[in-house]
Structure formats: C-alpha cells, structure tokens
Amino acid sequence: MIIDVIGDIHGYADKLVGLLKQLGYVHNGQYFVPPEGHRALFIGDLMDRGPQQVATLEIVFAMLDADVADAVMGNHEYNALAFATPDPDVPGEYLRSHDAVHTRQHEAFLAEVPFGSAAHQYWLKRFYEIPLWLETDYACFVHACWDVDSMAVLKPLLTADNCLTPHALEVTSREFSPAFDALERVLKGVETPLPDGLVMVDKEGTERKRVRVRWWLDALNQRTLHEVARAPASALAQIPQDVLADNIDFALKTHKPVFVGHYWLTGTPEPLSAQVACTDYSAAVDSGYLTCYQLDTTKPLPLTADSFVQYRHDQR
C-alpha cells in the first residue's frame, strides 16, 4: 500500500485537484478514486487563507466518506471550532476570541460559510470527526508534533478515535492548563522559554519570551538556540549566538516514521530527519507548492527525498 500524505491545503482546491490528478487519482463523479494500491492522508489545515474553502472541504470529505482517505486535524480546524463555540464561563465571549487577528485569520472561510449559518454548523460538525492524530503499524501522522506525553494528557478527553468532543474543546481552550499545553504541542509544535531577560520582537512588534523549536533534531538540549529555533533570521539576530537550548522538555518516543504538516517549508522537499518528514511546503502562497510524500507501507524507512511529489501549478 502507498499512503499519499498530502500537506496543508488551506482552501486551494485547484492545487488539490492538480496534485490528485498528478498522483493518478480519477474523479468518478462523486469523489477522487485513488490508483490501485494507494490511499490518501490529509495532514490538516484544510481551510482558511485560500479562495476555495468549500470546494476544498467537499473534495476531502467526499474522499473520507468513501473510505479512500484519512485525515488528521490541523490547528486551523481546531481554531474554527473554538472561534464558533461560546465560552460558558464568559457570557458574550467565545473559546477563541473574535479579536482582529483571529477574525482576519478566519475571514476566507467565513466569507464562504457565514457565521452561524446552516453550512457553518454542518462543517463544524464535520471537523469534530477528524482525529487529532493517527498511528498505524507502519507510521505516525499528526499535524505538528508527535509527543506521546502530551497525547497521554489529551487521551482521556477524546473519543476512542482520538477526536475532540465539545467538552475536550472547552478544556483544551483554557490557557495555562495541562490540556491546553498538550493541545498546543500536538497541533502547533514545541516551544521553549528564552533564558531570563531575553526577548525576541517579531515583525508585528510583539515581544516574545518563547520560541518554537525543531523538535525533530537529536540532542536538542546540547545545541544552541540558533541551531534549534524556528524563527525568522531577524528575530534570531536578537539572541546571542552561544545561548544553549538546554531547557527543552521533549523526546521523540517512537521508532516509526512521523509525518507532519504545519511548518511552511520552502525549497526542494526532503525529510527533516531520518525519522520525520513534513509535507507543508507553503501551498497557501503563490510561490508555494502543494506537496505529498508517497509512503510505502511495506518499507516505511528510510525516508527519502525521492518520495516527495509536488504539484507545480506555475509550470504547467
């Protein structure tokens, strides 16, 4: 079996159709049928940003309903649920605030699916059906980070299939709680505090005292922050070169290959490490390409650069 692990689509249905056709999928009038011996897996962030929100969701969920594909939840699907759910503790507010930043991030979806409409309620219900992670005999699939310790915190809150419930959504939305931190790890990645007294100022002028790290590297705590941080060069320039990343509480606890999206990579696709591959190559911008990793379940390792396929929409 070949698992076609497809990266973050973000509402670009044209790119999705192009990639599926390039991979040999054929539309039968209802859904895209995979080539014999293939199955698709969507790594999350199906929506927000792009110009074809509903069309993208209809393609993906038709394949899920036909049992020719699987999916894991991205932070944007999670955010959509929290944005739409009233906060029972704060009348008039929602689990994800409707401030200018959050509204702008979600505006492409809400432009096609008006807030509170029947269509909105339908798609929210469908998002609840997407598990936070999937593990098979041959590989692990999650949107941002395979952290079994965080998953152990979340597991009692989830369905048997690792899907959210309304209660789980509420609990994981509460900042400064173990459930919130665990959800952040799984859907957004690993952060570490900057050493005391150090801050980074991002491009919007916000001071940040934490930085996301490349958790897939080995010997994380023996490297410098410059080696492990996922941050723009302009932000890292504010941190001394010799500061060690010696306070990262993370270890990858599986021997299987791990597939993620989320990270807005660029350039020629290649595995992040001997064990981790990312299929998010910034399809939500004109210069990015919707990307797939073709995983042979009979030989999942080693991961190889040759297993990536990109839909080059600008080179047709």
C-alpha atoms as a PDB file:
ATOM      1  CA  MET A   1       0.000   0.000   0.000  1.00  0.00           C
ATOM      2  CA  ILE A   2       1.133   3.536  -0.817  1.00  0.00           C
ATOM      3  CA  ILE A   3      -0.098   6.271   1.528  1.00  0.00           C
ATOM      4  CA  ASP A   4      -0.142   9.638  -0.240  1.00  0.00           C
ATOM      5  CA  VAL A   5       0.456  12.039   2.679  1.00  0.00           C
ATOM      6  CA  ILE A   6      -0.816  15.428   1.462  1.00  0.00           C
ATOM      7  CA  GLY A   7       0.255  18.680   3.082  1.00  0.00           C
ATOM      8  CA  ASP A   8      -1.680  21.734   4.244  1.00  0.00           C
ATOM      9  CA  ILE A   9      -4.172  22.796   1.531  1.00  0.00           C
ATOM     10  CA  HIS A  10      -5.586  25.960   3.142  1.00  0.00           C
ATOM     11  CA  GLY A  11      -8.531  26.260   0.788  1.00  0.00           C
ATOM     12  CA  TYR A  12      -6.665  25.960  -2.526  1.00  0.00           C
ATOM     13  CA  ALA A  13      -8.916  23.433  -4.242  1.00  0.00           C
ATOM     14  CA  ASP A  14      -7.325  23.979  -7.654  1.00  0.00           C
ATOM     15  CA  LYS A  15      -3.946  22.936  -6.283  1.00  0.00           C
ATOM     16  CA  LEU A  16      -5.523  19.917  -4.599  1.00  0.00           C
ATOM     17  CA  VAL A  17      -7.222  18.796  -7.808  1.00  0.00           C
ATOM     18  CA  GLY A  18      -3.965  19.292  -9.699  1.00  0.00           C
ATOM     19  CA  LEU A  19      -1.993  17.221  -7.213  1.00  0.00           C
ATOM     20  CA  LEU A  20      -4.565  14.426  -7.053  1.00  0.00           C
ATOM     21  CA  LYS A  21      -4.617  14.139 -10.837  1.00  0.00           C
ATOM     22  CA  GLN A  22      -0.829  14.199 -10.944  1.00  0.00           C
ATOM     23  CA  LEU A  23      -0.814  11.309  -8.464  1.00  0.00           C
ATOM     24  CA  GLY A  24      -3.199   9.340 -10.690  1.00  0.00           C
ATOM     25  CA  TYR A  25      -6.478   9.899  -8.832  1.00  0.00           C
ATOM     26  CA  VAL A  26      -9.561   9.957 -11.065  1.00  0.00           C
ATOM     27  CA  HIS A  27     -12.867  11.653 -10.240  1.00  0.00           C
ATOM     28  CA  ASN A  28     -15.826   9.284 -10.671  1.00  0.00           C
ATOM     29  CA  GLY A  29     -18.496  11.973 -10.400  1.00  0.00           C
ATOM     30  CA  GLN A  30     -18.636  11.726  -6.611  1.00  0.00           C
ATOM     31  CA  TYR A  31     -15.072  11.599  -5.317  1.00  0.00           C
ATOM     32  CA  PHE A  32     -11.468  11.148  -6.381  1.00  0.00           C
ATOM     33  CA  VAL A  33     -10.656   7.457  -6.702  1.00  0.00           C
ATOM     34  CA  PRO A  34      -7.030   6.581  -5.894  1.00  0.00           C
ATOM     35  CA  PRO A  35      -4.864   4.432  -8.124  1.00  0.00           C
ATOM     36  CA  GLU A  36      -4.888   0.770  -7.181  1.00  0.00           C
ATOM     37  CA  GLY A  37      -2.903   0.216  -4.012  1.00  0.00           C
ATOM     38  CA  HIS A  38      -2.999   3.882  -2.924  1.00  0.00           C
ATOM     39  CA  ARG A  39      -4.797   5.758  -0.150  1.00  0.00           C
ATOM     40  CA  ALA A  40      -4.682   9.484   0.663  1.00  0.00           C
ATOM     41  CA  LEU A  41      -3.987  11.021   4.052  1.00  0.00           C
ATOM     42  CA  PHE A  42      -4.518  14.726   4.682  1.00  0.00           C
ATOM     43  CA  ILE A  43      -2.238  16.161   7.356  1.00  0.00           C
ATOM     44  CA  GLY A  44      -4.530  19.017   8.493  1.00  0.00           C
ATOM     45  CA  ASP A  45      -5.135  22.717   7.815  1.00  0.00           C
ATOM     46  CA  LEU A  46      -7.606  22.033   5.040  1.00  0.00           C
ATOM     47  CA  MET A  47      -9.107  25.516   5.345  1.00  0.00           C
ATOM     48  CA  ASP A  48      -8.525  29.253   5.989  1.00  0.00           C
ATOM     49  CA  ARG A  49      -6.454  31.587   3.771  1.00  0.00           C
ATOM     50  CA  GLY A  50      -7.304  30.362   0.246  1.00  0.00           C
ATOM     51  CA  PRO A  51     -10.039  31.293  -2.250  1.00  0.00           C
ATOM     52  CA  GLN A  52     -11.820  27.900  -2.480  1.00  0.00           C
ATOM     53  CA  GLN A  53     -12.761  26.918   1.048  1.00  0.00           C
ATOM     54  CA  VAL A  54     -15.927  24.904   0.497  1.00  0.00           C
ATOM     55  CA  ALA A  55     -14.666  23.274  -2.677  1.00  0.00           C
ATOM     56  CA  THR A  56     -11.607  22.022  -0.795  1.00  0.00           C
ATOM     57  CA  LEU A  57     -13.663  20.645   2.066  1.00  0.00           C
ATOM     58  CA  GLU A  58     -16.094  18.955  -0.293  1.00  0.00           C
ATOM     59  CA  ILE A  59     -13.253  17.180  -2.106  1.00  0.00           C
ATOM     60  CA  VAL A  60     -11.596  15.995   1.091  1.00  0.00           C
ATOM     61  CA  PHE A  61     -14.736  14.898   2.932  1.00  0.00           C
ATOM     62  CA  ALA A  62     -16.098  13.096  -0.141  1.00  0.00           C
ATOM     63  CA  MET A  63     -12.918  11.023  -0.079  1.00  0.00           C
ATOM     64  CA  LEU A  64     -13.197  10.453   3.669  1.00  0.00           C
ATOM     65  CA  ASP A  65     -16.821   9.383   3.312  1.00  0.00           C
ATOM     66  CA  ALA A  66     -15.891   6.980   0.512  1.00  0.00           C
ATOM     67  CA  ASP A  67     -13.163   5.489   2.736  1.00  0.00           C
ATOM     68  CA  VAL A  68     -10.382   6.162   0.253  1.00  0.00           C
ATOM     69  CA  ALA A  69      -8.648   8.696   2.537  1.00  0.00           C
ATOM     70  CA  ASP A  70      -7.900   9.613   6.131  1.00  0.00           C
ATOM     71  CA  ALA A  71      -7.155  12.949   7.791  1.00  0.00           C
ATOM     72  CA  VAL A  72      -5.783  14.433  10.987  1.00  0.00           C
ATOM     73  CA  MET A  73      -6.836  17.765  12.450  1.00  0.00           C
ATOM     74  CA  GLY A  74      -4.830  20.929  11.934  1.00  0.00           C
ATOM     75  CA  ASN A  75      -4.723  23.942  14.193  1.00  0.00           C
ATOM     76  CA  HIS A  76      -6.996  25.817  11.761  1.00  0.00           C
ATOM     77  CA  GLU A  77      -9.802  23.271  12.072  1.00  0.00           C
ATOM     78  CA  TYR A  78      -9.383  23.396  15.839  1.00  0.00           C
ATOM     79  CA  ASN A  79      -9.414  27.200  15.774  1.00  0.00           C
ATOM     80  CA  ALA A  80     -12.593  27.187  13.686  1.00  0.00           C
ATOM     81  CA  LEU A  81     -14.357  25.115  16.334  1.00  0.00           C
ATOM     82  CA  ALA A  82     -13.131  27.307  19.192  1.00  0.00           C
ATOM     83  CA  PHE A  83     -13.976  30.523  17.294  1.00  0.00           C
ATOM     84  CA  ALA A  84     -17.569  29.319  16.887  1.00  0.00           C
ATOM     85  CA  THR A  85     -18.122  27.993  20.420  1.00  0.00           C
ATOM     86  CA  PRO A  86     -19.436  30.325  23.156  1.00  0.00           C
ATOM     87  CA  ASP A  87     -17.387  30.397  26.332  1.00  0.00           C
ATOM     88  CA  PRO A  88     -19.714  29.073  29.064  1.00  0.00           C
ATOM     89  CA  ASP A  89     -17.716  30.954  31.700  1.00  0.00           C
ATOM     90  CA  VAL A  90     -17.751  34.367  29.993  1.00  0.00           C
ATOM     91  CA  PRO A  91     -21.128  35.418  28.556  1.00  0.00           C
ATOM     92  CA  GLY A  92     -20.823  37.004  25.138  1.00  0.00           C
ATOM     93  CA  GLU A  93     -17.340  35.639  24.513  1.00  0.00           C
ATOM     94  CA  TYR A  94     -16.067  32.587  22.610  1.00  0.00           C
ATOM     95  CA  LEU A  95     -13.450  29.950  23.361  1.00  0.00           C
ATOM     96  CA  ARG A  96     -11.294  31.643  20.719  1.00  0.00           C
ATOM     97  CA  SER A  97     -11.677  35.396  20.895  1.00  0.00           C
ATOM     98  CA  HIS A  98     -13.053  37.355  17.948  1.00  0.00           C
ATOM     99  CA  ASP A  99     -10.262  39.929  18.053  1.00  0.00           C
ATOM    100  CA  ALA A 100      -8.902  41.479  14.867  1.00  0.00           C
ATOM    101  CA  VAL A 101      -6.083  38.955  14.438  1.00  0.00           C
ATOM    102  CA  HIS A 102      -8.250  35.855  14.906  1.00  0.00           C
ATOM    103  CA  THR A 103     -11.005  37.256  12.684  1.00  0.00           C
ATOM    104  CA  ARG A 104      -8.548  38.079   9.921  1.00  0.00           C
ATOM    105  CA  GLN A 105      -7.064  34.565  10.063  1.00  0.00           C
ATOM    106  CA  HIS A 106     -10.554  33.087   9.632  1.00  0.00           C
ATOM    107  CA  GLU A 107     -12.089  35.560   7.177  1.00  0.00           C
ATOM    108  CA  ALA A 108     -11.651  33.493   3.989  1.00  0.00           C
ATOM    109  CA  PHE A 109     -13.639  30.632   5.492  1.00  0.00           C
ATOM    110  CA  LEU A 110     -16.377  32.844   6.941  1.00  0.00           C
ATOM    111  CA  ALA A 111     -16.709  34.697   3.620  1.00  0.00           C
ATOM    112  CA  GLU A 112     -17.907  31.428   2.073  1.00  0.00           C
ATOM    113  CA  VAL A 113     -19.531  29.940   5.159  1.00  0.00           C
ATOM    114  CA  PRO A 114     -21.315  32.721   7.077  1.00  0.00           C
ATOM    115  CA  PHE A 115     -21.002  32.558  10.848  1.00  0.00           C
ATOM    116  CA  GLY A 116     -23.943  30.737  12.421  1.00  0.00           C
ATOM    117  CA  SER A 117     -25.428  29.575   9.111  1.00  0.00           C
ATOM    118  CA  ALA A 118     -26.586  26.018   8.465  1.00  0.00           C
ATOM    119  CA  ALA A 119     -23.490  25.474   6.336  1.00  0.00           C
ATOM    120  CA  HIS A 120     -21.314  26.708   9.202  1.00  0.00           C
ATOM    121  CA  GLN A 121     -22.916  24.270  11.624  1.00  0.00           C
ATOM    122  CA  TYR A 122     -22.506  21.452   9.101  1.00  0.00           C
ATOM    123  CA  TRP A 123     -18.779  21.989   8.607  1.00  0.00           C
ATOM    124  CA  LEU A 124     -18.142  22.391  12.321  1.00  0.00           C
ATOM    125  CA  LYS A 125     -19.801  19.026  12.859  1.00  0.00           C
ATOM    126  CA  ARG A 126     -17.542  17.506  10.209  1.00  0.00           C
ATOM    127  CA  PHE A 127     -14.427  18.988  11.831  1.00  0.00           C
ATOM    128  CA  TYR A 128     -15.286  17.145  15.040  1.00  0.00           C
ATOM    129  CA  GLU A 129     -14.945  13.900  13.056  1.00  0.00           C
ATOM    130  CA  ILE A 130     -11.243  14.468  12.328  1.00  0.00           C
ATOM    131  CA  PRO A 131      -8.870  12.803  14.826  1.00  0.00           C
ATOM    132  CA  LEU A 132      -6.017  14.739  16.385  1.00  0.00           C
ATOM    133  CA  TRP A 133      -3.569  12.027  15.364  1.00  0.00           C
ATOM    134  CA  LEU A 134      -3.358   8.613  13.728  1.00  0.00           C
ATOM    135  CA  GLU A 135      -0.945   5.777  14.427  1.00  0.00           C
ATOM    136  CA  THR A 136      -0.660   2.658  12.296  1.00  0.00           C
ATOM    137  CA  ASP A 137       1.663  -0.331  12.335  1.00  0.00           C
ATOM    138  CA  TYR A 138       3.973   1.478   9.922  1.00  0.00           C
ATOM    139  CA  ALA A 139       3.848   5.236  10.740  1.00  0.00           C
ATOM    140  CA  CYS A 140       2.575   8.114  12.874  1.00  0.00           C
ATOM    141  CA  PHE A 141       0.602  11.071  11.494  1.00  0.00           C
ATOM    142  CA  VAL A 142      -0.036  14.365  13.302  1.00  0.00           C
ATOM    143  CA  HIS A 143      -0.293  17.995  12.273  1.00  0.00           C
ATOM    144  CA  ALA A 144       2.656  19.463  14.178  1.00  0.00           C
ATOM    145  CA  CYS A 145       4.379  17.208  16.745  1.00  0.00           C
ATOM    146  CA  TRP A 146       4.327  13.550  17.775  1.00  0.00           C
ATOM    147  CA  ASP A 147       4.523  13.990  21.539  1.00  0.00           C
ATOM    148  CA  VAL A 148       3.285  10.881  23.321  1.00  0.00           C
ATOM    149  CA  ASP A 149       3.392  12.612  26.710  1.00  0.00           C
ATOM    150  CA  SER A 150       1.028  15.340  25.505  1.00  0.00           C
ATOM    151  CA  MET A 151      -1.153  12.717  23.854  1.00  0.00           C
ATOM    152  CA  ALA A 152      -1.432  10.891  27.190  1.00  0.00           C
ATOM    153  CA  VAL A 153      -2.779  14.108  28.743  1.00  0.00           C
ATOM    154  CA  LEU A 154      -5.320  14.526  25.934  1.00  0.00           C
ATOM    155  CA  LYS A 155      -6.399  10.912  25.534  1.00  0.00           C
ATOM    156  CA  PRO A 156      -8.884  10.817  28.479  1.00  0.00           C
ATOM    157  CA  LEU A 157     -10.694  13.812  26.973  1.00  0.00           C
ATOM    158  CA  LEU A 158     -11.069  12.359  23.473  1.00  0.00           C
ATOM    159  CA  THR A 159     -13.220   9.757  21.773  1.00  0.00           C
ATOM    160  CA  ALA A 160     -11.878   6.274  21.170  1.00  0.00           C
ATOM    161  CA  ASP A 161     -10.739   7.501  17.738  1.00  0.00           C
ATOM    162  CA  ASN A 162      -8.817  10.456  19.199  1.00  0.00           C
ATOM    163  CA  CYS A 163     -11.431  13.006  18.134  1.00  0.00           C
ATOM    164  CA  LEU A 164     -12.418  16.094  20.089  1.00  0.00           C
ATOM    165  CA  THR A 165     -15.679  16.389  21.972  1.00  0.00           C
ATOM    166  CA  PRO A 166     -17.287  19.718  22.928  1.00  0.00           C
ATOM    167  CA  HIS A 167     -16.010  19.181  26.467  1.00  0.00           C
ATOM    168  CA  ALA A 168     -12.486  18.479  25.199  1.00  0.00           C
ATOM    169  CA  LEU A 169     -12.623  21.639  23.099  1.00  0.00           C
ATOM    170  CA  GLU A 170     -13.552  23.697  26.140  1.00  0.00           C
ATOM    171  CA  VAL A 171     -10.913  22.141  28.395  1.00  0.00           C
ATOM    172  CA  THR A 172      -8.106  22.473  25.861  1.00  0.00           C
ATOM    173  CA  SER A 173      -9.035  26.108  25.223  1.00  0.00           C
ATOM    174  CA  ARG A 174      -8.204  27.109  28.807  1.00  0.00           C
ATOM    175  CA  GLU A 175      -4.776  28.737  28.803  1.00  0.00           C
ATOM    176  CA  PHE A 176      -2.176  27.791  31.414  1.00  0.00           C
ATOM    177  CA  SER A 177      -3.647  24.318  31.849  1.00  0.00           C
ATOM    178  CA  PRO A 178      -2.022  20.931  31.120  1.00  0.00           C
ATOM    179  CA  ALA A 179      -4.675  20.171  28.477  1.00  0.00           C
ATOM    180  CA  PHE A 180      -4.082  23.493  26.718  1.00  0.00           C
ATOM    181  CA  ASP A 181      -0.316  22.967  26.675  1.00  0.00           C
ATOM    182  CA  ALA A 182      -0.727  19.420  25.380  1.00  0.00           C
ATOM    183  CA  LEU A 183      -3.035  20.522  22.572  1.00  0.00           C
ATOM    184  CA  GLU A 184      -0.597  23.301  21.634  1.00  0.00           C
ATOM    185  CA  ARG A 185       2.212  20.764  21.328  1.00  0.00           C
ATOM    186  CA  VAL A 186       0.258  18.367  19.123  1.00  0.00           C
ATOM    187  CA  LEU A 187      -1.226  20.987  16.778  1.00  0.00           C
ATOM    188  CA  LYS A 188       1.393  23.765  16.855  1.00  0.00           C
ATOM    189  CA  GLY A 189       4.704  22.229  17.918  1.00  0.00           C
ATOM    190  CA  VAL A 190       7.220  22.511  20.731  1.00  0.00           C
ATOM    191  CA  GLU A 191       8.080  25.844  22.341  1.00  0.00           C
ATOM    192  CA  THR A 192      10.788  26.610  24.857  1.00  0.00           C
ATOM    193  CA  PRO A 193      11.213  29.667  27.080  1.00  0.00           C
ATOM    194  CA  LEU A 194      14.006  32.057  26.249  1.00  0.00           C
ATOM    195  CA  PRO A 195      16.592  32.454  29.007  1.00  0.00           C
ATOM    196  CA  ASP A 196      15.732  35.031  31.664  1.00  0.00           C
ATOM    197  CA  GLY A 197      15.979  38.569  30.402  1.00  0.00           C
ATOM    198  CA  LEU A 198      15.932  37.669  26.711  1.00  0.00           C
ATOM    199  CA  VAL A 199      13.072  38.557  24.387  1.00  0.00           C
ATOM    200  CA  MET A 200      12.533  38.468  20.646  1.00  0.00           C
ATOM    201  CA  VAL A 201      10.497  41.124  18.866  1.00  0.00           C
ATOM    202  CA  ASP A 202       8.563  39.736  15.891  1.00  0.00           C
ATOM    203  CA  LYS A 203       7.714  41.515  12.648  1.00  0.00           C
ATOM    204  CA  GLU A 204       4.498  42.883  14.179  1.00  0.00           C
ATOM    205  CA  GLY A 205       6.398  44.400  17.098  1.00  0.00           C
ATOM    206  CA  THR A 206       5.231  41.838  19.663  1.00  0.00           C
ATOM    207  CA  GLU A 207       7.730  40.834  22.334  1.00  0.00           C
ATOM    208  CA  ARG A 208       8.056  37.076  22.657  1.00  0.00           C
ATOM    209  CA  LYS A 209       9.660  35.215  25.533  1.00  0.00           C
ATOM    210  CA  ARG A 210       9.243  31.759  23.977  1.00  0.00           C
ATOM    211  CA  VAL A 211      10.413  30.294  20.693  1.00  0.00           C
ATOM    212  CA  ARG A 212       9.279  27.271  18.673  1.00  0.00           C
ATOM    213  CA  VAL A 213      11.961  24.659  18.116  1.00  0.00           C
ATOM    214  CA  ARG A 214      12.852  21.991  15.579  1.00  0.00           C
ATOM    215  CA  TRP A 215      11.913  19.107  17.832  1.00  0.00           C
ATOM    216  CA  TRP A 216      12.931  16.508  15.239  1.00  0.00           C
ATOM    217  CA  LEU A 217      16.640  17.238  15.763  1.00  0.00           C
ATOM    218  CA  ASP A 218      18.620  14.923  18.009  1.00  0.00           C
ATOM    219  CA  ALA A 219      20.425  16.107  21.138  1.00  0.00           C
ATOM    220  CA  LEU A 220      18.170  19.166  21.369  1.00  0.00           C
ATOM    221  CA  ASN A 221      19.413  20.281  24.768  1.00  0.00           C
ATOM    222  CA  GLN A 222      23.036  20.187  23.646  1.00  0.00           C
ATOM    223  CA  ARG A 223      22.541  22.639  20.790  1.00  0.00           C
ATOM    224  CA  THR A 224      22.356  26.419  20.672  1.00  0.00           C
ATOM    225  CA  LEU A 225      19.044  28.240  20.297  1.00  0.00           C
ATOM    226  CA  HIS A 226      20.202  29.387  16.873  1.00  0.00           C
ATOM    227  CA  GLU A 227      20.504  25.754  15.796  1.00  0.00           C
ATOM    228  CA  VAL A 228      17.119  24.595  17.062  1.00  0.00           C
ATOM    229  CA  ALA A 229      14.821  27.641  16.849  1.00  0.00           C
ATOM    230  CA  ARG A 230      12.175  28.034  14.154  1.00  0.00           C
ATOM    231  CA  ALA A 231      12.144  31.807  13.861  1.00  0.00           C
ATOM    232  CA  PRO A 232      12.997  34.431  11.235  1.00  0.00           C
ATOM    233  CA  ALA A 233      16.641  35.445  10.999  1.00  0.00           C
ATOM    234  CA  SER A 234      15.685  38.968  12.061  1.00  0.00           C
ATOM    235  CA  ALA A 235      14.284  37.623  15.325  1.00  0.00           C
ATOM    236  CA  LEU A 236      17.151  35.219  15.982  1.00  0.00           C
ATOM    237  CA  ALA A 237      19.595  38.076  15.476  1.00  0.00           C
ATOM    238  CA  GLN A 238      18.365  39.395  18.835  1.00  0.00           C
ATOM    239  CA  ILE A 239      19.672  36.266  20.608  1.00  0.00           C
ATOM    240  CA  PRO A 240      23.384  35.754  21.325  1.00  0.00           C
ATOM    241  CA  GLN A 241      24.929  33.010  19.200  1.00  0.00           C
ATOM    242  CA  ASP A 242      26.206  30.976  22.153  1.00  0.00           C
ATOM    243  CA  VAL A 243      22.944  30.656  24.133  1.00  0.00           C
ATOM    244  CA  LEU A 244      22.234  26.967  24.698  1.00  0.00           C
ATOM    245  CA  ALA A 245      18.789  25.386  24.259  1.00  0.00           C
ATOM    246  CA  ASP A 246      19.228  23.396  27.446  1.00  0.00           C
ATOM    247  CA  ASN A 247      15.670  23.615  28.810  1.00  0.00           C
ATOM    248  CA  ILE A 248      13.629  21.814  26.135  1.00  0.00           C
ATOM    249  CA  ASP A 249      11.331  19.187  27.632  1.00  0.00           C
ATOM    250  CA  PHE A 250      10.766  16.886  24.681  1.00  0.00           C
ATOM    251  CA  ALA A 251      11.802  13.485  23.362  1.00  0.00           C
ATOM    252  CA  LEU A 252      10.531  11.629  20.304  1.00  0.00           C
ATOM    253  CA  LYS A 253       9.294   8.330  21.712  1.00  0.00           C
ATOM    254  CA  THR A 254       8.631   6.177  18.672  1.00  0.00           C
ATOM    255  CA  HIS A 255      10.762   4.235  16.234  1.00  0.00           C
ATOM    256  CA  LYS A 256       8.229   4.677  13.424  1.00  0.00           C
ATOM    257  CA  PRO A 257       8.410   7.409  10.793  1.00  0.00           C
ATOM    258  CA  VAL A 258       6.461  10.535  11.712  1.00  0.00           C
ATOM    259  CA  PHE A 259       4.615  12.719   9.190  1.00  0.00           C
ATOM    260  CA  VAL A 260       3.621  16.318   9.907  1.00  0.00           C
ATOM    261  CA  GLY A 261       2.496  19.487   8.145  1.00  0.00           C
ATOM    262  CA  HIS A 262       2.248  22.966   9.673  1.00  0.00           C
ATOM    263  CA  TYR A 263       5.745  24.330   9.155  1.00  0.00           C
ATOM    264  CA  TRP A 264       5.538  26.407   5.944  1.00  0.00           C
ATOM    265  CA  LEU A 265       8.724  24.975   4.459  1.00  0.00           C
ATOM    266  CA  THR A 266      10.209  26.150   1.169  1.00  0.00           C
ATOM    267  CA  GLY A 267      12.694  24.830  -1.338  1.00  0.00           C
ATOM    268  CA  THR A 268      13.241  21.288  -2.543  1.00  0.00           C
ATOM    269  CA  PRO A 269      11.418  18.783  -0.303  1.00  0.00           C
ATOM    270  CA  GLU A 270      13.492  16.449   1.822  1.00  0.00           C
ATOM    271  CA  PRO A 271      12.979  14.679   5.145  1.00  0.00           C
ATOM    272  CA  LEU A 272      13.503  16.810   8.245  1.00  0.00           C
ATOM    273  CA  SER A 273      15.434  13.951   9.828  1.00  0.00           C
ATOM    274  CA  ALA A 274      15.959  10.243   9.376  1.00  0.00           C
ATOM    275  CA  GLN A 275      12.566   9.701  11.022  1.00  0.00           C
ATOM    276  CA  VAL A 276      10.443  12.824  10.361  1.00  0.00           C
ATOM    277  CA  ALA A 277       9.001  14.227   7.136  1.00  0.00           C
ATOM    278  CA  CYS A 278       6.925  17.382   6.626  1.00  0.00           C
ATOM    279  CA  THR A 279       4.577  17.842   3.665  1.00  0.00           C
ATOM    280  CA  ASP A 280       3.749  21.531   4.200  1.00  0.00           C
ATOM    281  CA  TYR A 281       5.616  23.498   1.535  1.00  0.00           C
ATOM    282  CA  SER A 282       3.646  26.734   1.777  1.00  0.00           C
ATOM    283  CA  ALA A 283       0.834  25.944  -0.675  1.00  0.00           C
ATOM    284  CA  ALA A 284      -1.116  28.891   0.754  1.00  0.00           C
ATOM    285  CA  VAL A 285       1.167  31.394  -1.003  1.00  0.00           C
ATOM    286  CA  ASP A 286       1.737  31.794  -4.725  1.00  0.00           C
ATOM    287  CA  SER A 287       5.359  30.672  -4.501  1.00  0.00           C
ATOM    288  CA  GLY A 288       4.489  27.511  -2.536  1.00  0.00           C
ATOM    289  CA  TYR A 289       3.574  24.076  -3.835  1.00  0.00           C
ATOM    290  CA  LEU A 290       1.071  21.548  -2.561  1.00  0.00           C
ATOM    291  CA  THR A 291       3.239  18.603  -1.593  1.00  0.00           C
ATOM    292  CA  CYS A 292       2.807  14.882  -0.987  1.00  0.00           C
ATOM    293  CA  TYR A 293       5.010  12.166   0.462  1.00  0.00           C
ATOM    294  CA  GLN A 294       4.341   8.714  -1.000  1.00  0.00           C
ATOM    295  CA  LEU A 295       4.865   6.287   1.867  1.00  0.00           C
ATOM    296  CA  ASP A 296       5.363   2.624   1.006  1.00  0.00           C
ATOM    297  CA  THR A 297       3.846   0.787   3.959  1.00  0.00           C
ATOM    298  CA  THR A 298       5.963  -2.297   3.236  1.00  0.00           C
ATOM    299  CA  LYS A 299       9.138  -0.242   3.583  1.00  0.00           C
ATOM    300  CA  PRO A 300       8.386   2.896   5.608  1.00  0.00           C
ATOM    301  CA  LEU A 301      12.036   3.596   6.390  1.00  0.00           C
ATOM    302  CA  PRO A 302      14.362   5.040   5.326  1.00  0.00           C
ATOM    303  CA  LEU A 303      12.607   8.273   4.408  1.00  0.00           C
ATOM    304  CA  THR A 304      13.817   9.580   1.067  1.00  0.00           C
ATOM    305  CA  ALA A 305      13.676  12.855  -0.833  1.00  0.00           C
ATOM    306  CA  ASP A 306      12.639  10.893  -3.938  1.00  0.00           C
ATOM    307  CA  SER A 307       9.323  10.006  -2.272  1.00  0.00           C
ATOM    308  CA  PHE A 308       8.073  13.617  -2.359  1.00  0.00           C
ATOM    309  CA  VAL A 309       5.767  14.782  -5.150  1.00  0.00           C
ATOM    310  CA  GLN A 310       4.874  18.439  -5.717  1.00  0.00           C
ATOM    311  CA  TYR A 311       2.149  19.929  -7.876  1.00  0.00           C
ATOM    312  CA  ARG A 312       3.937  22.717  -9.733  1.00  0.00           C
ATOM    313  CA  HIS A 313       0.913  24.837 -10.599  1.00  0.00           C
ATOM    314  CA  ASP A 314       3.080  27.562 -12.167  1.00  0.00           C
ATOM    315  CA  GLN A 315       4.885  25.200 -14.542  1.00  0.00           C
ATOM    316  CA  ARG A 316       2.004  23.525 -16.338  1.00  0.00           C
END
